[in-house]
Amino acid sequence: METRSRKETCLRTLELALAVAVACTLLWGALSLGRQEALADRVVRLHVLANSDSEEDQALKLQVRDSIIGCAEDILRSSHDRQDAEDRLARALPELERLAADTIAQNGYDYSVTAELKDTAFPTREYEDFALPAGDYLALRVVIGAGEGHNWWCVVFPPLCAQSTEDLSQTAMAAGLSDDDVGLITEEDQGYVLKFKSIELWESLKTMLGK
């Protein structure tokens, strides 16, 4: 009888510990998700989708990417926040689409192309000098042809992918990112790996529960 009682006590203790661990994980995920959402409110991603995974189509994707980045940098040069960047890009979508179409034609292809601003779900992505957690971000999406090939992601505002390591933090903060944002994406925040993982877990949980 005493042995059974001891086992039941151990089981209840284990269940309580598990419940506490799950609660802590969910809380950490919710807090980390808040960090991601705050970050998403300050950036615009760039998402270029190739027609296919053929070597030629992937090379063309990079040509279109370079054209779009160069033009977007000029358009956004005097933008100081995400809303202004979004407004400028929205007005420039026809220009960006024409530029992409011209680049495609100059390379000998007749693929259609579309440019749009769209909320898009991204996985965690690590670049050479910074990383972005998984989540929904506003993206300038450029779809070439069928858009069935591997795509290219980066950040068009602030222009982080075009910055040197030394200038990255300054560029990010000039565009409205906070010290915490910069610490998170540049991995100065030593807990960034756990935060990014907790965001991924939270996003997966939201998907399982149908949001």
C-alpha atoms as a PDB file:
ATOM      1  CA  MET A   1       0.000   0.000   0.000  1.00  0.00           C
ATOM      2  CA  GLU A   2       2.782   2.388   0.927  1.00  0.00           C
ATOM      3  CA  THR A   3       4.645   1.508  -2.289  1.00  0.00           C
ATOM      4  CA  ARG A   4       1.578   2.281  -4.394  1.00  0.00           C
ATOM      5  CA  SER A   5       1.080   5.602  -2.608  1.00  0.00           C
ATOM      6  CA  ARG A   6       4.715   6.490  -3.202  1.00  0.00           C
ATOM      7  CA  LYS A   7       4.375   5.652  -6.903  1.00  0.00           C
ATOM      8  CA  GLU A   8       1.220   7.772  -7.184  1.00  0.00           C
ATOM      9  CA  THR A   9       2.996  10.673  -5.479  1.00  0.00           C
ATOM     10  CA  CYS A  10       5.940  10.384  -7.876  1.00  0.00           C
ATOM     11  CA  LEU A  11       3.559  10.227 -10.834  1.00  0.00           C
ATOM     12  CA  ARG A  12       1.681  13.341  -9.698  1.00  0.00           C
ATOM     13  CA  THR A  13       4.984  15.145  -9.162  1.00  0.00           C
ATOM     14  CA  LEU A  14       6.121  14.170 -12.670  1.00  0.00           C
ATOM     15  CA  GLU A  15       2.824  15.301 -14.165  1.00  0.00           C
ATOM     16  CA  LEU A  16       3.059  18.621 -12.329  1.00  0.00           C
ATOM     17  CA  ALA A  17       6.651  19.129 -13.489  1.00  0.00           C
ATOM     18  CA  LEU A  18       5.616  18.353 -17.073  1.00  0.00           C
ATOM     19  CA  ALA A  19       2.685  20.765 -16.854  1.00  0.00           C
ATOM     20  CA  VAL A  20       4.968  23.506 -15.529  1.00  0.00           C
ATOM     21  CA  ALA A  21       7.503  22.835 -18.300  1.00  0.00           C
ATOM     22  CA  VAL A  22       4.790  23.031 -20.979  1.00  0.00           C
ATOM     23  CA  ALA A  23       3.418  26.249 -19.457  1.00  0.00           C
ATOM     24  CA  CYS A  24       6.890  27.794 -19.381  1.00  0.00           C
ATOM     25  CA  THR A  25       7.507  26.759 -22.982  1.00  0.00           C
ATOM     26  CA  LEU A  26       4.222  28.303 -24.116  1.00  0.00           C
ATOM     27  CA  LEU A  27       4.907  31.508 -22.195  1.00  0.00           C
ATOM     28  CA  TRP A  28       8.430  31.743 -23.618  1.00  0.00           C
ATOM     29  CA  GLY A  29       7.012  31.089 -27.083  1.00  0.00           C
ATOM     30  CA  ALA A  30       4.350  33.765 -26.680  1.00  0.00           C
ATOM     31  CA  LEU A  31       6.886  36.339 -25.470  1.00  0.00           C
ATOM     32  CA  SER A  32       9.308  35.434 -28.263  1.00  0.00           C
ATOM     33  CA  LEU A  33       6.503  35.637 -30.796  1.00  0.00           C
ATOM     34  CA  GLY A  34       5.826  39.152 -29.571  1.00  0.00           C
ATOM     35  CA  ARG A  35       9.470  39.994 -30.328  1.00  0.00           C
ATOM     36  CA  GLN A  36       9.102  38.541 -33.824  1.00  0.00           C
ATOM     37  CA  GLU A  37       5.885  40.456 -34.487  1.00  0.00           C
ATOM     38  CA  ALA A  38       7.479  43.705 -33.311  1.00  0.00           C
ATOM     39  CA  LEU A  39      10.402  43.029 -35.636  1.00  0.00           C
ATOM     40  CA  ALA A  40       8.065  42.185 -38.541  1.00  0.00           C
ATOM     41  CA  ASP A  41       6.373  45.568 -38.090  1.00  0.00           C
ATOM     42  CA  ARG A  42       9.679  47.253 -38.920  1.00  0.00           C
ATOM     43  CA  VAL A  43      10.936  45.326 -41.973  1.00  0.00           C
ATOM     44  CA  VAL A  44       9.931  44.409 -45.518  1.00  0.00           C
ATOM     45  CA  ARG A  45      11.279  41.144 -46.883  1.00  0.00           C
ATOM     46  CA  LEU A  46      12.202  40.479 -50.523  1.00  0.00           C
ATOM     47  CA  HIS A  47      11.023  37.182 -51.993  1.00  0.00           C
ATOM     48  CA  VAL A  48      12.004  36.296 -55.573  1.00  0.00           C
ATOM     49  CA  LEU A  49      10.597  33.031 -56.945  1.00  0.00           C
ATOM     50  CA  ALA A  50      12.242  31.393 -59.964  1.00  0.00           C
ATOM     51  CA  ASN A  51      10.279  29.779 -62.774  1.00  0.00           C
ATOM     52  CA  SER A  52      11.890  26.401 -62.068  1.00  0.00           C
ATOM     53  CA  ASP A  53      14.959  24.772 -60.566  1.00  0.00           C
ATOM     54  CA  SER A  54      16.799  24.521 -63.862  1.00  0.00           C
ATOM     55  CA  GLU A  55      20.259  26.069 -63.877  1.00  0.00           C
ATOM     56  CA  GLU A  56      19.131  28.668 -66.417  1.00  0.00           C
ATOM     57  CA  ASP A  57      16.030  29.696 -64.457  1.00  0.00           C
ATOM     58  CA  GLN A  58      17.968  29.945 -61.205  1.00  0.00           C
ATOM     59  CA  ALA A  59      20.566  32.165 -62.894  1.00  0.00           C
ATOM     60  CA  LEU A  60      17.766  34.329 -64.294  1.00  0.00           C
ATOM     61  CA  LYS A  61      16.266  34.644 -60.805  1.00  0.00           C
ATOM     62  CA  LEU A  62      19.519  36.193 -59.574  1.00  0.00           C
ATOM     63  CA  GLN A  63      19.566  38.638 -62.476  1.00  0.00           C
ATOM     64  CA  VAL A  64      16.027  39.740 -61.624  1.00  0.00           C
ATOM     65  CA  ARG A  65      16.953  39.922 -57.937  1.00  0.00           C
ATOM     66  CA  ASP A  66      19.857  42.259 -58.635  1.00  0.00           C
ATOM     67  CA  SER A  67      17.674  44.534 -60.774  1.00  0.00           C
ATOM     68  CA  ILE A  68      14.936  44.682 -58.137  1.00  0.00           C
ATOM     69  CA  ILE A  69      17.356  45.348 -55.265  1.00  0.00           C
ATOM     70  CA  GLY A  70      19.056  48.187 -57.135  1.00  0.00           C
ATOM     71  CA  CYS A  71      15.755  49.847 -57.996  1.00  0.00           C
ATOM     72  CA  ALA A  72      14.239  49.292 -54.536  1.00  0.00           C
ATOM     73  CA  GLU A  73      17.258  50.857 -52.857  1.00  0.00           C
ATOM     74  CA  ASP A  74      16.726  54.021 -54.906  1.00  0.00           C
ATOM     75  CA  ILE A  75      12.997  54.038 -54.123  1.00  0.00           C
ATOM     76  CA  LEU A  76      13.527  53.543 -50.393  1.00  0.00           C
ATOM     77  CA  ARG A  77      16.645  55.644 -49.940  1.00  0.00           C
ATOM     78  CA  SER A  78      14.857  58.332 -47.916  1.00  0.00           C
ATOM     79  CA  SER A  79      12.398  56.047 -46.095  1.00  0.00           C
ATOM     80  CA  HIS A  80      12.682  56.157 -42.322  1.00  0.00           C
ATOM     81  CA  ASP A  81      10.049  53.628 -41.268  1.00  0.00           C
ATOM     82  CA  ARG A  82       8.226  50.517 -42.481  1.00  0.00           C
ATOM     83  CA  GLN A  83       4.944  52.270 -43.293  1.00  0.00           C
ATOM     84  CA  ASP A  84       6.629  54.799 -45.548  1.00  0.00           C
ATOM     85  CA  ALA A  85       8.614  52.010 -47.212  1.00  0.00           C
ATOM     86  CA  GLU A  86       5.420  50.034 -47.799  1.00  0.00           C
ATOM     87  CA  ASP A  87       3.676  53.071 -49.331  1.00  0.00           C
ATOM     88  CA  ARG A  88       6.600  53.797 -51.646  1.00  0.00           C
ATOM     89  CA  LEU A  89       6.872  50.191 -52.776  1.00  0.00           C
ATOM     90  CA  ALA A  90       3.118  49.952 -53.361  1.00  0.00           C
ATOM     91  CA  ARG A  91       3.267  52.951 -55.695  1.00  0.00           C
ATOM     92  CA  ALA A  92       6.348  51.546 -57.432  1.00  0.00           C
ATOM     93  CA  LEU A  93       4.989  48.028 -58.078  1.00  0.00           C
ATOM     94  CA  PRO A  94       4.272  48.693 -61.796  1.00  0.00           C
ATOM     95  CA  GLU A  95       7.795  50.101 -62.211  1.00  0.00           C
ATOM     96  CA  LEU A  96       9.354  47.123 -60.430  1.00  0.00           C
ATOM     97  CA  GLU A  97       7.297  44.701 -62.514  1.00  0.00           C
ATOM     98  CA  ARG A  98       8.369  46.388 -65.754  1.00  0.00           C
ATOM     99  CA  LEU A  99      11.991  46.297 -64.645  1.00  0.00           C
ATOM    100  CA  ALA A 100      11.770  42.578 -63.900  1.00  0.00           C
ATOM    101  CA  ALA A 101      10.076  41.955 -67.270  1.00  0.00           C
ATOM    102  CA  ASP A 102      12.802  43.917 -69.084  1.00  0.00           C
ATOM    103  CA  THR A 103      15.514  41.916 -67.291  1.00  0.00           C
ATOM    104  CA  ILE A 104      13.820  38.665 -68.267  1.00  0.00           C
ATOM    105  CA  ALA A 105      13.507  39.761 -71.912  1.00  0.00           C
ATOM    106  CA  GLN A 106      17.116  40.973 -72.039  1.00  0.00           C
ATOM    107  CA  ASN A 107      18.208  37.496 -70.983  1.00  0.00           C
ATOM    108  CA  GLY A 108      16.248  35.899 -73.842  1.00  0.00           C
ATOM    109  CA  TYR A 109      13.160  34.645 -71.990  1.00  0.00           C
ATOM    110  CA  ASP A 110       9.483  35.468 -72.331  1.00  0.00           C
ATOM    111  CA  TYR A 111       8.274  34.464 -68.858  1.00  0.00           C
ATOM    112  CA  SER A 112       5.502  36.451 -67.271  1.00  0.00           C
ATOM    113  CA  VAL A 113       6.336  38.202 -64.007  1.00  0.00           C
ATOM    114  CA  THR A 114       4.308  39.699 -61.170  1.00  0.00           C
ATOM    115  CA  ALA A 115       5.354  41.992 -58.329  1.00  0.00           C
ATOM    116  CA  GLU A 116       3.180  42.411 -55.246  1.00  0.00           C
ATOM    117  CA  LEU A 117       3.286  43.248 -51.563  1.00  0.00           C
ATOM    118  CA  LYS A 118       1.939  40.354 -49.541  1.00  0.00           C
ATOM    119  CA  ASP A 119       2.049  39.033 -45.980  1.00  0.00           C
ATOM    120  CA  THR A 120       4.114  35.858 -46.274  1.00  0.00           C
ATOM    121  CA  ALA A 121       5.111  33.117 -43.829  1.00  0.00           C
ATOM    122  CA  PHE A 122       8.874  32.584 -43.639  1.00  0.00           C
ATOM    123  CA  PRO A 123      10.913  29.967 -41.771  1.00  0.00           C
ATOM    124  CA  THR A 124      13.903  30.967 -39.666  1.00  0.00           C
ATOM    125  CA  ARG A 125      16.590  32.234 -41.997  1.00  0.00           C
ATOM    126  CA  GLU A 126      20.272  32.790 -41.239  1.00  0.00           C
ATOM    127  CA  TYR A 127      22.338  35.101 -43.422  1.00  0.00           C
ATOM    128  CA  GLU A 128      26.045  35.825 -43.223  1.00  0.00           C
ATOM    129  CA  ASP A 129      25.793  38.634 -40.670  1.00  0.00           C
ATOM    130  CA  PHE A 130      22.281  38.348 -39.244  1.00  0.00           C
ATOM    131  CA  ALA A 131      19.294  36.052 -38.860  1.00  0.00           C
ATOM    132  CA  LEU A 132      15.508  36.465 -38.863  1.00  0.00           C
ATOM    133  CA  PRO A 133      13.087  34.338 -36.839  1.00  0.00           C
ATOM    134  CA  ALA A 134      10.242  32.404 -38.436  1.00  0.00           C
ATOM    135  CA  GLY A 135       6.913  34.174 -38.785  1.00  0.00           C
ATOM    136  CA  ASP A 136       4.739  36.324 -41.006  1.00  0.00           C
ATOM    137  CA  TYR A 137       6.359  39.323 -42.695  1.00  0.00           C
ATOM    138  CA  LEU A 138       5.289  41.805 -45.323  1.00  0.00           C
ATOM    139  CA  ALA A 139       7.181  40.821 -48.460  1.00  0.00           C
ATOM    140  CA  LEU A 140       7.857  42.281 -51.877  1.00  0.00           C
ATOM    141  CA  ARG A 141       7.162  39.098 -53.864  1.00  0.00           C
ATOM    142  CA  VAL A 142       8.444  38.828 -57.427  1.00  0.00           C
ATOM    143  CA  VAL A 143       7.188  35.684 -59.168  1.00  0.00           C
ATOM    144  CA  ILE A 144       8.872  34.671 -62.421  1.00  0.00           C
ATOM    145  CA  GLY A 145       6.861  32.444 -64.767  1.00  0.00           C
ATOM    146  CA  ALA A 146       5.377  29.470 -62.930  1.00  0.00           C
ATOM    147  CA  GLY A 147       7.197  30.417 -59.713  1.00  0.00           C
ATOM    148  CA  GLU A 148       7.974  26.761 -59.012  1.00  0.00           C
ATOM    149  CA  GLY A 149      11.715  26.999 -58.471  1.00  0.00           C
ATOM    150  CA  HIS A 150      13.814  27.627 -55.393  1.00  0.00           C
ATOM    151  CA  ASN A 151      13.327  31.167 -54.195  1.00  0.00           C
ATOM    152  CA  TRP A 152      15.575  33.877 -52.776  1.00  0.00           C
ATOM    153  CA  TRP A 153      14.823  35.752 -49.550  1.00  0.00           C
ATOM    154  CA  CYS A 154      16.326  38.766 -47.942  1.00  0.00           C
ATOM    155  CA  VAL A 155      15.330  42.160 -46.525  1.00  0.00           C
ATOM    156  CA  VAL A 156      14.611  45.081 -48.823  1.00  0.00           C
ATOM    157  CA  PHE A 157      13.843  47.497 -45.972  1.00  0.00           C
ATOM    158  CA  PRO A 158      16.054  48.229 -44.215  1.00  0.00           C
ATOM    159  CA  PRO A 159      18.531  47.139 -46.931  1.00  0.00           C
ATOM    160  CA  LEU A 160      20.325  44.708 -44.629  1.00  0.00           C
ATOM    161  CA  CYS A 161      21.487  42.313 -47.330  1.00  0.00           C
ATOM    162  CA  ALA A 162      23.332  45.088 -49.110  1.00  0.00           C
ATOM    163  CA  GLN A 163      25.189  46.295 -46.021  1.00  0.00           C
ATOM    164  CA  SER A 164      28.632  45.451 -44.750  1.00  0.00           C
ATOM    165  CA  THR A 165      28.944  43.927 -41.293  1.00  0.00           C
ATOM    166  CA  GLU A 166      30.147  47.251 -39.877  1.00  0.00           C
ATOM    167  CA  ASP A 167      27.179  49.211 -41.258  1.00  0.00           C
ATOM    168  CA  LEU A 168      24.423  46.696 -40.566  1.00  0.00           C
ATOM    169  CA  SER A 169      23.465  47.808 -37.060  1.00  0.00           C
ATOM    170  CA  GLN A 170      23.530  51.494 -37.990  1.00  0.00           C
ATOM    171  CA  THR A 171      21.366  50.868 -41.060  1.00  0.00           C
ATOM    172  CA  ALA A 172      18.872  48.829 -39.059  1.00  0.00           C
ATOM    173  CA  MET A 173      18.515  51.420 -36.303  1.00  0.00           C
ATOM    174  CA  ALA A 174      18.193  54.272 -38.803  1.00  0.00           C
ATOM    175  CA  ALA A 175      15.140  52.437 -40.186  1.00  0.00           C
ATOM    176  CA  GLY A 176      13.466  52.248 -36.790  1.00  0.00           C
ATOM    177  CA  LEU A 177      14.688  48.949 -35.374  1.00  0.00           C
ATOM    178  CA  SER A 178      15.341  49.007 -31.634  1.00  0.00           C
ATOM    179  CA  ASP A 179      18.504  47.991 -29.802  1.00  0.00           C
ATOM    180  CA  ASP A 180      16.707  44.758 -28.832  1.00  0.00           C
ATOM    181  CA  ASP A 181      15.758  44.082 -32.462  1.00  0.00           C
ATOM    182  CA  VAL A 182      19.330  44.583 -33.632  1.00  0.00           C
ATOM    183  CA  GLY A 183      20.689  42.437 -30.803  1.00  0.00           C
ATOM    184  CA  LEU A 184      18.271  39.673 -31.724  1.00  0.00           C
ATOM    185  CA  ILE A 185      18.914  39.549 -35.464  1.00  0.00           C
ATOM    186  CA  THR A 186      22.682  40.035 -35.236  1.00  0.00           C
ATOM    187  CA  GLU A 187      22.951  37.264 -32.635  1.00  0.00           C
ATOM    188  CA  GLU A 188      24.359  39.628 -30.000  1.00  0.00           C
ATOM    189  CA  ASP A 189      21.428  38.432 -27.894  1.00  0.00           C
ATOM    190  CA  GLN A 190      22.899  35.174 -26.596  1.00  0.00           C
ATOM    191  CA  GLY A 191      19.434  33.656 -26.211  1.00  0.00           C
ATOM    192  CA  TYR A 192      18.537  34.133 -29.854  1.00  0.00           C
ATOM    193  CA  VAL A 193      18.727  30.411 -30.712  1.00  0.00           C
ATOM    194  CA  LEU A 194      16.249  29.499 -27.983  1.00  0.00           C
ATOM    195  CA  LYS A 195      14.029  32.434 -28.909  1.00  0.00           C
ATOM    196  CA  PHE A 196      13.995  31.430 -32.572  1.00  0.00           C
ATOM    197  CA  LYS A 197      13.249  27.793 -31.679  1.00  0.00           C
ATOM    198  CA  SER A 198      10.456  28.827 -29.326  1.00  0.00           C
ATOM    199  CA  ILE A 199       8.946  30.968 -32.086  1.00  0.00           C
ATOM    200  CA  GLU A 200       9.050  27.990 -34.450  1.00  0.00           C
ATOM    201  CA  LEU A 201       7.355  25.794 -31.838  1.00  0.00           C
ATOM    202  CA  TRP A 202       4.725  28.444 -31.180  1.00  0.00           C
ATOM    203  CA  GLU A 203       4.038  28.851 -34.901  1.00  0.00           C
ATOM    204  CA  SER A 204       3.697  25.064 -35.249  1.00  0.00           C
ATOM    205  CA  LEU A 205       1.297  24.983 -32.305  1.00  0.00           C
ATOM    206  CA  LYS A 206      -0.809  27.759 -33.840  1.00  0.00           C
ATOM    207  CA  THR A 207      -0.969  25.780 -37.084  1.00  0.00           C
ATOM    208  CA  MET A 208      -1.990  22.590 -35.265  1.00  0.00           C
ATOM    209  CA  LEU A 209      -4.742  24.455 -33.417  1.00  0.00           C
ATOM    210  CA  GLY A 210      -5.883  26.208 -36.560  1.00  0.00           C
ATOM    211  CA  LYS A 211      -4.752  29.578 -35.155  1.00  0.00           C
END
